[in-house]
């Protein structure tokens, strides 16, 4: 899954450096297939206990000349070149960018299994990755994250809290996040279809 998630970035002509954030200790002893990829364009760095700590570690490992940063979840192995291009374009234009898809389901606000209201969906989007930012923007947003602050669920939220503009880039529903066994079965079927 990680290899499939990496390929669109490592093969992209506008992506100069890929940093894979891995569990501590794994960067020193990666599996053979991953060790073979490590080099000038791809590096490994130990992550932290939270998403924010891991993204900070990835940011710190980037070369100084990297002006735009993309953050992507290895759990999303089906990102397309078009989505990467769209996110890059917005980040280069000076705003944060989030691959996202409009919500098509009816959404309910629920408290203790009781529906309290139906939420209008016309302005709701499901955030995905990659998310892209001018490097100075995301570094300033992380610098403002203090101990005790609520952990952001993604990097866009952190930039929003800091007052930076973040826009959506329409994405594909195939850019699914694989987090459960059912997701994995869907991903396997999709991988067979996309060969």
Foldseek 3Di string as FASTA:
>chain_A
DLVLQCVLQVPDPPRQAAEAEDAPPCQVPPPPVVVVVDDRRYHYDYADPDPLRRVVRVLVPDDPPPFKDWDADSLQSDFDNVQVVQQVVVQVVAAKEFAKAQDPDFDFDDDPNHTPDTDDRPPDIGTHDTIMHGSVQLVVLSVPDDPVDDDDPDSVVSSVVVVTHYYYDYGDPSSDGDDDPVSVVVVVVVVVVVD
